[in-house]
Protein backbone atom coordinates (compact mmCIF):
# COMPACT_ATOMS: atom_id res chain seq x y z
CA MET A 1 -7.41 -0.49 -17.29
CA THR A 2 -10.92 0.90 -17.17
CA GLU A 3 -12.29 2.76 -20.14
CA THR A 4 -11.76 6.51 -20.02
CA THR A 5 -14.98 8.53 -20.10
CA LYS A 6 -15.53 12.08 -21.14
CA PRO A 7 -17.03 14.67 -18.83
CA ASN A 8 -20.71 13.98 -18.15
CA ALA A 9 -20.48 10.73 -20.09
CA GLY A 10 -21.44 8.76 -17.03
CA ARG A 11 -24.64 10.75 -16.39
CA ALA A 12 -27.63 8.66 -17.29
CA SER A 13 -30.11 10.01 -19.77
CA GLY A 14 -33.82 9.99 -19.13
CA ASP A 15 -34.29 6.76 -21.11
CA SER A 16 -31.47 4.93 -19.38
CA ARG A 17 -32.94 5.80 -15.99
CA LYS A 18 -36.22 4.05 -16.63
CA GLY A 19 -36.81 1.43 -13.99
CA LEU A 20 -34.27 3.03 -11.65
CA SER A 21 -35.11 4.97 -8.50
CA GLN A 22 -33.58 6.14 -5.27
CA GLY A 23 -35.48 3.57 -3.27
CA GLY A 24 -38.19 5.55 -1.50
CA LYS A 25 -37.82 7.43 1.76
CA PHE A 26 -34.82 5.47 3.07
CA PHE A 27 -32.00 5.34 0.57
CA TYR A 28 -30.24 1.96 0.48
CA GLY A 29 -26.85 3.66 0.27
CA TRP A 30 -27.05 4.50 3.96
CA TRP A 31 -26.68 0.77 4.65
CA ILE A 32 -23.41 1.00 2.75
CA VAL A 33 -22.39 3.88 5.01
CA ALA A 34 -23.31 1.83 8.09
CA GLY A 35 -21.24 -1.09 6.82
CA GLY A 36 -18.30 1.18 6.13
CA LEU A 37 -18.55 2.70 9.60
CA LEU A 38 -18.51 -0.78 11.20
CA ILE A 39 -15.50 -1.92 9.15
CA MET A 40 -13.61 1.26 10.12
CA ALA A 41 -14.68 0.90 13.76
CA THR A 42 -13.41 -2.69 13.94
CA CYS A 43 -10.90 -3.85 11.32
CA TYR A 44 -9.23 -0.47 10.73
CA THR A 45 -9.32 0.67 14.36
CA VAL A 46 -7.83 -2.57 15.68
CA PHE A 47 -4.76 -2.40 13.43
CA VAL A 48 -4.20 1.35 13.57
CA ASN A 49 -5.46 2.64 16.92
CA CYS A 50 -5.37 -0.41 19.21
CA ILE A 51 -1.97 -1.88 18.31
CA PRO A 52 -0.11 0.68 20.49
CA LEU A 53 -1.86 -0.84 23.53
CA PHE A 54 0.07 -4.07 22.94
CA GLN A 55 3.54 -2.54 22.49
CA SER A 56 5.01 -2.79 25.99
CA HIS A 57 3.45 -6.21 26.69
CA MET A 58 4.66 -7.82 23.46
CA VAL A 59 8.13 -6.29 23.87
CA GLU A 60 8.43 -7.83 27.32
CA ASP A 61 6.99 -11.29 26.54
CA LEU A 62 8.71 -11.78 23.19
CA GLY A 63 12.04 -10.42 24.35
CA ILE A 64 12.26 -7.88 21.54
CA THR A 65 13.05 -4.17 21.55
CA VAL A 66 10.76 -1.21 21.05
CA GLY A 67 12.57 -0.51 17.79
CA GLN A 68 11.84 -4.02 16.50
CA PHE A 69 8.17 -3.74 17.43
CA ASN A 70 7.89 -0.34 15.76
CA THR A 71 9.58 -1.72 12.65
CA GLY A 72 6.68 -4.17 12.32
CA VAL A 73 4.22 -1.29 12.51
CA SER A 74 6.18 0.62 9.87
CA ILE A 75 6.28 -2.43 7.58
CA CYS A 76 2.49 -2.54 7.76
CA THR A 77 2.32 1.13 6.76
CA VAL A 78 4.80 0.86 3.89
CA VAL A 79 3.08 -2.22 2.45
CA ALA A 80 -0.27 -0.40 2.64
CA VAL A 81 1.11 2.38 0.41
CA PHE A 82 1.74 0.00 -2.48
CA ALA A 83 -1.20 -2.31 -1.76
CA SER A 84 -3.61 0.63 -2.08
CA LEU A 85 -2.73 0.89 -5.79
CA VAL A 86 -3.74 -2.74 -6.36
CA ILE A 87 -6.87 -2.60 -4.21
CA GLY A 88 -7.95 0.58 -6.00
CA ARG A 89 -8.09 -1.40 -9.25
CA LEU A 90 -9.89 -4.32 -7.60
CA THR A 91 -12.71 -2.06 -6.41
CA ASP A 92 -13.57 -1.43 -10.08
CA LYS A 93 -13.51 -5.11 -11.04
CA CYS A 94 -14.61 -7.19 -8.04
CA SER A 95 -17.78 -7.48 -6.00
CA ALA A 96 -17.91 -5.16 -3.00
CA ARG A 97 -19.37 -8.00 -0.95
CA ALA A 98 -16.41 -10.22 -1.84
CA LEU A 99 -13.84 -7.52 -1.04
CA GLY A 100 -15.60 -6.60 2.20
CA ALA A 101 -15.83 -10.24 3.27
CA VAL A 102 -12.16 -10.92 2.44
CA THR A 103 -11.10 -7.83 4.40
CA VAL A 104 -13.07 -8.79 7.51
CA LEU A 105 -12.11 -12.46 7.40
CA THR A 106 -8.45 -11.62 6.87
CA SER A 107 -8.60 -9.21 9.80
CA SER A 108 -9.95 -11.92 12.08
CA VAL A 109 -7.48 -14.57 10.90
CA VAL A 110 -4.49 -12.23 11.32
CA LEU A 111 -5.64 -11.25 14.82
CA VAL A 112 -5.94 -14.91 15.82
CA ALA A 113 -2.45 -15.50 14.41
CA PHE A 114 -1.13 -12.54 16.43
CA SER A 115 -2.20 -14.33 19.61
CA PHE A 116 0.17 -17.23 18.81
CA ILE A 117 3.29 -15.18 17.97
CA THR A 118 6.52 -16.45 19.52
CA GLN A 119 9.15 -15.09 17.12
CA LEU A 120 9.95 -11.67 15.67
CA TRP A 121 9.72 -12.87 12.07
CA GLN A 122 6.13 -13.96 12.70
CA LEU A 123 5.25 -10.41 13.78
CA TYR A 124 6.77 -9.01 10.58
CA ALA A 125 5.00 -11.57 8.36
CA LEU A 126 1.61 -10.80 9.89
CA CYS A 127 2.23 -7.04 9.59
CA ILE A 128 2.84 -7.53 5.86
CA ILE A 129 -0.51 -9.32 5.47
CA ALA A 130 -2.27 -6.68 7.56
CA GLY A 131 -0.80 -3.91 5.41
CA MET A 132 -1.75 -5.62 2.15
CA VAL A 133 -5.33 -6.50 2.93
CA VAL A 134 -6.56 -4.95 6.16
CA VAL A 135 -5.10 -1.45 6.38
CA ALA A 136 -5.15 -0.82 2.61
CA GLY A 137 -8.51 -2.54 2.09
CA THR A 138 -10.58 -0.70 4.68
CA ARG A 139 -10.37 3.09 4.22
CA LEU A 140 -9.87 2.87 0.44
CA LEU A 141 -12.65 0.33 -0.10
CA VAL A 142 -15.11 2.30 2.02
CA SER A 143 -14.29 5.64 0.32
CA VAL A 144 -14.62 4.29 -3.23
CA LEU A 145 -17.77 2.30 -2.48
CA ILE A 146 -19.59 5.23 -0.91
CA SER A 147 -18.52 7.53 -3.75
CA ASN A 148 -20.27 5.16 -6.15
CA TRP A 149 -23.51 5.39 -4.18
CA PHE A 150 -23.69 9.14 -3.51
CA THR A 151 -23.74 12.18 -5.78
CA LEU A 152 -25.21 14.60 -3.28
CA LYS A 153 -24.08 14.42 0.36
CA ARG A 154 -21.05 12.39 -0.72
CA GLY A 155 -18.74 14.25 1.65
CA LEU A 156 -21.13 13.75 4.57
CA ALA A 157 -21.52 10.06 3.82
CA VAL A 158 -17.78 9.46 3.52
CA SER A 159 -17.00 11.43 6.70
CA ILE A 160 -19.62 9.51 8.69
CA ALA A 161 -18.17 6.18 7.59
CA LEU A 162 -14.54 7.15 8.15
CA SER A 163 -15.35 8.58 11.59
CA GLY A 164 -15.88 4.97 12.60
CA SER A 165 -12.14 4.80 13.30
CA GLY A 166 -12.53 7.30 16.13
CA LEU A 167 -15.79 5.84 17.38
CA GLY A 168 -14.38 2.33 17.39
CA GLY A 169 -11.26 3.50 19.18
CA VAL A 170 -13.28 5.15 21.94
CA ILE A 171 -15.03 1.86 22.62
CA LEU A 172 -12.30 -0.69 21.89
CA SER A 173 -9.35 1.02 23.60
CA PRO A 174 -10.65 0.59 27.18
CA VAL A 175 -12.05 -2.85 26.34
CA THR A 176 -8.68 -3.97 24.95
CA SER A 177 -6.78 -2.48 27.89
CA ALA A 178 -9.02 -4.26 30.39
CA MET A 179 -8.63 -7.54 28.51
CA ILE A 180 -4.84 -7.23 28.41
CA VAL A 181 -4.70 -6.57 32.17
CA GLY A 182 -7.22 -9.25 33.06
CA SER A 183 -6.34 -12.09 30.68
CA GLY A 184 -3.18 -11.14 28.82
CA TRP A 185 -2.42 -9.69 25.41
CA ARG A 186 -2.89 -12.97 23.57
CA SER A 187 -6.48 -13.29 24.79
CA ALA A 188 -7.07 -9.65 23.86
CA PHE A 189 -6.13 -10.40 20.25
CA LEU A 190 -8.62 -13.29 20.20
CA LEU A 191 -11.36 -11.03 21.56
CA LEU A 192 -10.67 -8.44 18.86
CA ALA A 193 -10.81 -11.17 16.20
CA VAL A 194 -14.29 -12.16 17.38
CA ILE A 195 -15.43 -8.51 17.49
CA CYS A 196 -14.36 -7.94 13.87
CA LEU A 197 -16.10 -11.11 12.75
CA VAL A 198 -19.37 -10.51 14.59
CA PHE A 199 -19.84 -6.79 14.00
CA ALA A 200 -18.37 -6.25 10.52
CA LEU A 201 -18.86 -9.43 8.50
CA PRO A 202 -22.69 -9.76 8.41
CA ILE A 203 -23.44 -6.28 7.07
CA ALA A 204 -20.58 -6.50 4.54
CA VAL A 205 -21.84 -9.82 3.16
CA ILE A 206 -25.56 -9.06 3.29
CA MET A 207 -25.76 -5.34 2.49
CA PHE A 208 -22.72 -4.38 0.41
CA ARG A 209 -23.30 -3.80 -3.31
CA SER A 210 -20.71 -2.30 -5.65
CA ARG A 211 -23.05 0.14 -7.39
CA PRO A 212 -26.66 1.33 -7.06
CA ILE A 213 -27.62 -0.36 -10.32
CA ASP A 214 -27.01 -3.71 -8.57
CA LYS A 215 -30.15 -2.94 -6.56
CA GLY A 216 -32.07 -1.31 -9.40
CA LEU A 217 -31.30 2.14 -7.98
CA GLU A 218 -29.41 5.23 -9.01
CA PRO A 219 -26.95 7.23 -6.86
CA TYR A 220 -28.34 9.50 -4.19
CA GLY A 221 -29.04 12.87 -5.81
CA ALA A 222 -28.47 11.65 -9.38
CA GLY A 223 -29.59 14.28 -11.88
CA VAL A 224 -29.73 16.97 -9.21
CA VAL A 225 -27.18 19.74 -9.39
CA GLU A 226 -26.15 21.35 -6.12
CA LYS A 227 -25.92 25.12 -6.12
CA GLU A 228 -22.31 26.16 -5.80
CA LYS A 229 -21.56 27.96 -2.55
CA ALA A 230 -19.08 30.80 -2.59
CA ASP A 231 -15.78 29.92 -0.99
CA ARG A 232 -15.65 32.29 1.95
CA SER A 233 -11.97 31.62 2.61
CA PRO A 234 -9.25 34.02 1.39
CA ASP A 235 -7.87 31.29 -0.91
CA LYS A 236 -8.62 32.15 -4.52
CA PRO A 237 -10.01 29.08 -6.37
CA VAL A 238 -7.74 27.61 -9.07
CA SER A 239 -9.67 27.36 -12.34
CA VAL A 240 -6.83 26.63 -14.77
CA SER A 241 -5.17 23.32 -15.63
CA ILE A 242 -2.01 22.53 -13.66
CA GLY A 243 -1.78 18.74 -13.37
CA TRP A 244 0.94 16.30 -12.41
CA ARG A 245 3.01 17.00 -15.56
CA HIS A 246 3.76 20.50 -14.28
CA LEU A 247 3.76 19.75 -10.56
CA ARG A 248 6.51 17.13 -10.68
CA LYS A 249 8.97 19.84 -11.78
CA ASN A 250 7.76 22.48 -9.32
CA ALA A 251 9.75 23.22 -6.14
CA GLY A 252 6.65 24.54 -4.37
CA PHE A 253 4.89 21.20 -4.79
CA TRP A 254 7.85 19.36 -3.27
CA MET A 255 7.74 21.75 -0.32
CA LEU A 256 4.15 20.59 0.16
CA ILE A 257 5.40 16.99 0.02
CA VAL A 258 8.09 17.68 2.64
CA GLY A 259 5.45 19.22 4.91
CA PHE A 260 3.30 16.10 4.82
CA VAL A 261 6.30 13.81 5.27
CA MET A 262 6.92 15.73 8.50
CA MET A 263 3.27 15.23 9.44
CA GLY A 264 3.71 11.52 8.82
CA ILE A 265 6.77 11.42 11.09
CA VAL A 266 4.76 13.11 13.85
CA ASN A 267 1.87 10.66 13.46
CA GLY A 268 4.11 7.60 13.28
CA ALA A 269 6.06 8.57 16.40
CA ILE A 270 3.14 9.63 18.59
CA ILE A 271 0.57 6.99 17.67
CA THR A 272 3.03 4.11 18.01
CA ASN A 273 4.56 5.13 21.34
CA SER A 274 1.93 7.05 23.30
CA ILE A 275 0.70 4.14 25.40
CA SER A 276 4.20 3.04 26.39
CA ASN A 277 5.04 6.66 27.16
CA MET A 278 2.24 6.68 29.73
CA THR A 279 3.09 3.30 31.30
CA SER A 280 6.44 1.45 31.19
CA VAL A 281 8.57 -0.75 28.95
CA THR A 282 10.48 -3.90 29.94
CA LEU A 283 13.70 -4.57 28.01
CA ASP A 284 15.77 -7.71 28.69
CA GLY A 285 13.90 -8.26 31.95
CA VAL A 286 14.49 -4.72 33.21
CA GLU A 287 11.48 -2.43 33.57
CA VAL A 288 11.96 1.10 32.29
CA VAL A 289 9.30 3.29 33.91
CA THR A 290 8.31 6.05 31.52
CA GLY A 291 5.01 7.47 32.77
CA GLY A 292 4.24 5.00 35.52
CA HIS A 293 0.50 4.94 34.88
CA SER A 294 -1.56 1.76 34.63
CA THR A 295 -2.55 0.23 31.30
CA ILE A 296 -6.22 0.86 32.13
CA TRP A 297 -5.56 4.56 32.77
CA ALA A 298 -3.55 4.87 29.57
CA GLY A 299 -6.32 3.16 27.60
CA GLY A 300 -8.85 5.64 28.97
CA VAL A 301 -6.70 8.60 27.95
CA TRP A 302 -6.23 7.07 24.49
CA SER A 303 -10.02 6.76 24.19
CA PHE A 304 -10.26 10.46 24.98
CA TYR A 305 -7.81 11.18 22.12
CA LEU A 306 -9.90 9.15 19.68
CA ALA A 307 -13.05 10.97 20.78
CA VAL A 308 -11.33 14.29 20.05
CA VAL A 309 -10.47 13.01 16.56
CA ILE A 310 -14.16 12.48 15.71
CA PHE A 311 -14.97 16.16 16.19
CA ALA A 312 -11.59 17.52 15.09
CA LYS A 313 -11.92 16.08 11.57
CA ILE A 314 -15.10 18.07 11.00
CA ALA A 315 -13.73 21.19 12.70
CA LEU A 316 -10.46 21.30 10.76
CA GLY A 317 -12.25 20.96 7.44
CA ALA A 318 -14.56 23.83 8.38
CA ILE A 319 -11.57 25.98 9.37
CA TYR A 320 -9.87 25.41 6.02
CA ASP A 321 -13.11 26.24 4.19
CA ARG A 322 -13.89 29.38 6.20
CA TRP A 323 -10.51 30.92 7.08
CA GLY A 324 -8.20 29.34 4.51
CA MET A 325 -5.00 27.33 4.30
CA LYS A 326 -2.80 29.64 6.33
CA VAL A 327 -5.06 29.70 9.39
CA GLY A 328 -5.74 25.95 9.26
CA THR A 329 -2.05 25.13 8.85
CA ILE A 330 -0.94 27.46 11.64
CA LEU A 331 -3.51 26.05 14.08
CA GLY A 332 -2.56 22.47 13.17
CA THR A 333 1.14 23.23 13.57
CA VAL A 334 0.70 24.94 16.95
CA ALA A 335 -1.42 22.03 18.18
CA SER A 336 1.26 19.54 17.04
CA VAL A 337 4.06 21.45 18.80
CA LEU A 338 2.03 21.72 22.03
CA ALA A 339 1.29 17.98 21.88
CA GLY A 340 5.02 17.26 21.61
CA ILE A 341 5.77 19.48 24.60
CA ALA A 342 3.04 17.89 26.76
CA LEU A 343 4.29 14.38 25.90
CA CYS A 344 7.57 15.25 27.66
CA PHE A 345 5.72 15.08 30.99
CA PRO A 346 4.26 11.52 30.99
CA ALA A 347 4.57 11.00 34.76
CA THR A 348 1.97 13.71 35.41
CA ASP A 349 -1.77 13.31 34.91
CA TRP A 350 -2.12 16.50 32.89
CA GLY A 351 0.75 15.82 30.44
CA PRO A 352 -0.77 12.83 28.59
CA ILE A 353 -4.29 14.29 28.68
CA ILE A 354 -3.24 17.65 27.23
CA ALA A 355 -1.07 15.85 24.67
CA CYS A 356 -4.06 13.77 23.51
CA LEU A 357 -6.25 16.89 23.33
CA PHE A 358 -3.84 18.77 21.06
CA PHE A 359 -2.73 15.73 19.06
CA GLY A 360 -6.37 14.78 18.46
CA PHE A 361 -6.61 18.00 16.46
CA ALA A 362 -3.12 17.97 14.94
CA THR A 363 -3.28 14.39 13.64
CA CYS A 364 -6.29 15.27 11.47
CA MET A 365 -3.97 17.31 9.27
CA GLY A 366 -2.76 13.96 7.99
CA THR A 367 -6.20 13.01 6.64
CA VAL A 368 -8.11 16.26 6.12
CA ALA A 369 -5.39 18.63 4.89
CA PRO A 370 -3.89 16.73 1.89
CA PRO A 371 -6.91 16.77 -0.46
CA ILE A 372 -7.96 20.26 0.67
CA MET A 373 -4.53 21.84 0.18
CA VAL A 374 -4.00 20.09 -3.16
CA VAL A 375 -7.29 21.46 -4.51
CA LYS A 376 -6.80 24.94 -3.06
CA GLU A 377 -3.21 25.23 -4.32
CA TYR A 378 -3.36 23.43 -7.66
CA GLY A 379 -7.00 22.83 -8.59
CA LYS A 380 -8.76 19.61 -9.55
CA LYS A 381 -6.67 18.55 -12.54
CA ASP A 382 -5.28 15.04 -11.83
CA LEU A 383 -6.68 15.35 -8.30
CA GLY A 384 -6.67 11.62 -7.55
CA THR A 385 -3.13 11.12 -8.79
CA VAL A 386 -1.69 14.14 -6.99
CA THR A 387 -3.51 13.44 -3.70
CA GLY A 388 -2.42 9.81 -3.89
CA ILE A 389 1.23 10.85 -4.27
CA VAL A 390 0.97 13.26 -1.33
CA THR A 391 -0.67 10.56 0.81
CA ALA A 392 1.96 7.97 -0.14
CA PHE A 393 4.77 10.29 0.97
CA GLU A 394 2.92 11.03 4.20
CA MET A 395 2.58 7.30 4.95
CA PHE A 396 6.28 6.90 4.21
CA GLY A 397 6.93 9.58 6.82
CA ALA A 398 4.77 7.65 9.30
CA ALA A 399 6.88 4.55 8.74
CA VAL A 400 10.06 6.56 9.29
CA GLY A 401 8.63 8.09 12.46
CA ALA A 402 7.72 4.69 13.89
CA VAL A 403 11.13 3.12 13.18
CA VAL A 404 13.29 6.08 14.23
CA SER A 405 11.32 6.63 17.44
CA GLY A 406 11.85 3.00 18.44
CA ILE A 407 15.58 3.20 17.74
CA MET A 408 15.84 6.41 19.75
CA PHE A 409 14.08 4.89 22.75
CA ASP A 410 16.31 1.83 22.67
CA ALA A 411 19.35 4.13 22.62
CA PHE A 412 18.28 6.57 25.37
CA LEU A 413 15.74 4.46 27.34
CA SER A 414 13.52 7.54 27.28
CA PHE A 415 10.89 8.93 24.94
CA VAL A 416 11.88 12.55 25.58
CA PRO A 417 14.33 12.59 22.60
CA VAL A 418 11.49 11.25 20.46
CA TRP A 419 9.20 14.10 21.49
CA ILE A 420 11.95 16.63 20.75
CA MET A 421 12.08 15.12 17.25
CA VAL A 422 8.29 15.50 17.04
CA ILE A 423 8.48 19.18 17.99
CA VAL A 424 11.15 19.84 15.34
CA ALA A 425 9.19 17.89 12.70
CA SER A 426 6.03 19.84 13.60
CA ALA A 427 7.82 23.16 13.12
CA LEU A 428 9.25 22.03 9.78
CA MET A 429 5.77 20.88 8.75
CA GLY A 430 4.31 24.31 9.38
CA ILE A 431 7.18 26.17 7.68
CA THR A 432 7.12 24.08 4.49
CA LEU A 433 3.32 23.94 4.18
CA LEU A 434 3.05 27.70 4.61
CA ALA A 435 5.91 28.26 2.13
CA SER A 436 4.12 26.08 -0.44
CA ILE A 437 1.12 28.44 -0.56
CA PRO A 438 2.77 31.47 -2.25
CA ALA A 439 4.87 29.10 -4.39
CA ALA A 440 1.68 27.48 -5.67
CA ARG A 441 0.15 30.88 -6.43
CA LYS A 442 3.20 31.78 -8.56
CA LEU A 443 2.81 28.57 -10.55
CA VAL A 444 -0.89 29.26 -11.13
CA GLU A 445 -0.14 32.79 -12.33
CA ARG A 446 2.52 31.47 -14.67
CA ARG A 447 0.12 28.90 -16.12
CA ILE A 448 -2.48 31.62 -16.67
CA ALA A 449 0.12 33.72 -18.50
CA GLU A 450 0.97 30.69 -20.66
CA GLY A 451 -2.68 30.38 -21.67
CA ALA A 452 -3.39 27.15 -19.78
CA PRO A 453 -6.86 25.64 -20.41
CA GLU A 454 -9.66 26.49 -18.02
CA LEU A 455 -11.21 23.77 -15.86
CA ASP A 456 -14.88 23.02 -15.30
CA ALA A 457 -16.34 22.30 -11.86
CA GLU A 458 -15.39 18.61 -12.10
CA GLY A 459 -11.77 19.27 -13.00
CA PHE A 460 -11.98 18.61 -16.74
CA GLU A 461 -10.30 20.92 -19.22
CA ILE A 462 -12.69 23.16 -21.16
CA ALA A 463 -11.96 23.11 -24.86
CA SER A 464 -11.31 26.45 -26.52
CA PRO A 465 -13.82 27.73 -29.15
CA SER A 466 -11.46 26.75 -31.96
CA GLU A 467 -11.08 23.23 -30.55
CA GLN A 468 -14.85 22.94 -30.18
CA SER A 469 -15.26 23.94 -33.84
CA LYS A 470 -12.75 21.31 -34.91
CA ALA A 471 -14.55 18.67 -32.83
CA ARG A 472 -17.89 19.54 -34.44
CA ALA A 473 -16.31 19.40 -37.88
């Protein structure tokens, strides 16, 4: 366990800052951002956004079902939930260069191994490794590392790095599709292994540093206090202590959890099956035509979806900040329902394209909404713990969505029942998330009536005058 620090204890004094700087005009931390962007654009993108391109081809060649393939994807997701807890501790104890190098090298080795798969158990084994190291070690590592390097512009830096998943998908989806068509899916995995190694490993090994002090620097904006901007949304800020101890017994919080489980189900079902929905699936030597489009065409549409994601992440965050939780949640829910409806028409050109347009916005609720809604509903007390719990349940929902959607396709030989499930899950998501808002407000009001401690801007409890007197004594 790391030593617990008091508020402001980590802020360096004038004496301790002697010899430290921010490195002149170009701050070294932006190299960290660049490295994070490249890891997200390669290692993360390959295992999250490009795997659906292989579904129909691996199902046919390996003689497995869609449900079995999707189970492998869900195993990867479930393992990542638990692996994130371990990797979170490692980021505090191990060198960022070592962790970055291990992540990239493991990505490449696993991708090479994927190209030699002949049995179902091999797929499952490799998905376990990918979940433990690759999926859990990319987004979490990048977020923590950048947070160490930036005080000001932290949100901008993190969003730039994480947007690499969309940028990488835009580039790699058509490249992967073309490689699969031209040389087969096994060669495509080898190409992706080389791409990860060449584009992500050098900057991780050469540039990554765990903390600014490793380069004789201090975090960007250290000692500078940003002026607080008024929250223009209708959501009243929560300034009293709530915390996990009270939330775990609150029905409103569990409604929030149910909402994000539904979001996970939507993500797991759509992301895993979209490419096969646009093309075809061969089961036991019999081709089941779903959309009838070519793999190249489907890859191009998927690239369009990933491009939408890049801009949608920024837009959805701005909507929550300006117009509040209700407006953001309603728009995300409507977009998710419309995506499910459009997916029911895969044989048309407009169905998949419209579905990707709306889902590109809706899927961002899975990454943008959890921390925003947790803070707006319950404040910053135990923020990391509470957001982590919400995210874990959402990833569990994604695993369920992937498995159930595969089973449903195998049973009906059609994805239409899957998209009906998506529409229902989207509606339940909106209902439960909206219901959690007034429930959270009631809990806040009750805590105020009980005399709960106030929180400072960083989420620490402010001691009462009597407690401050006792501390001084």
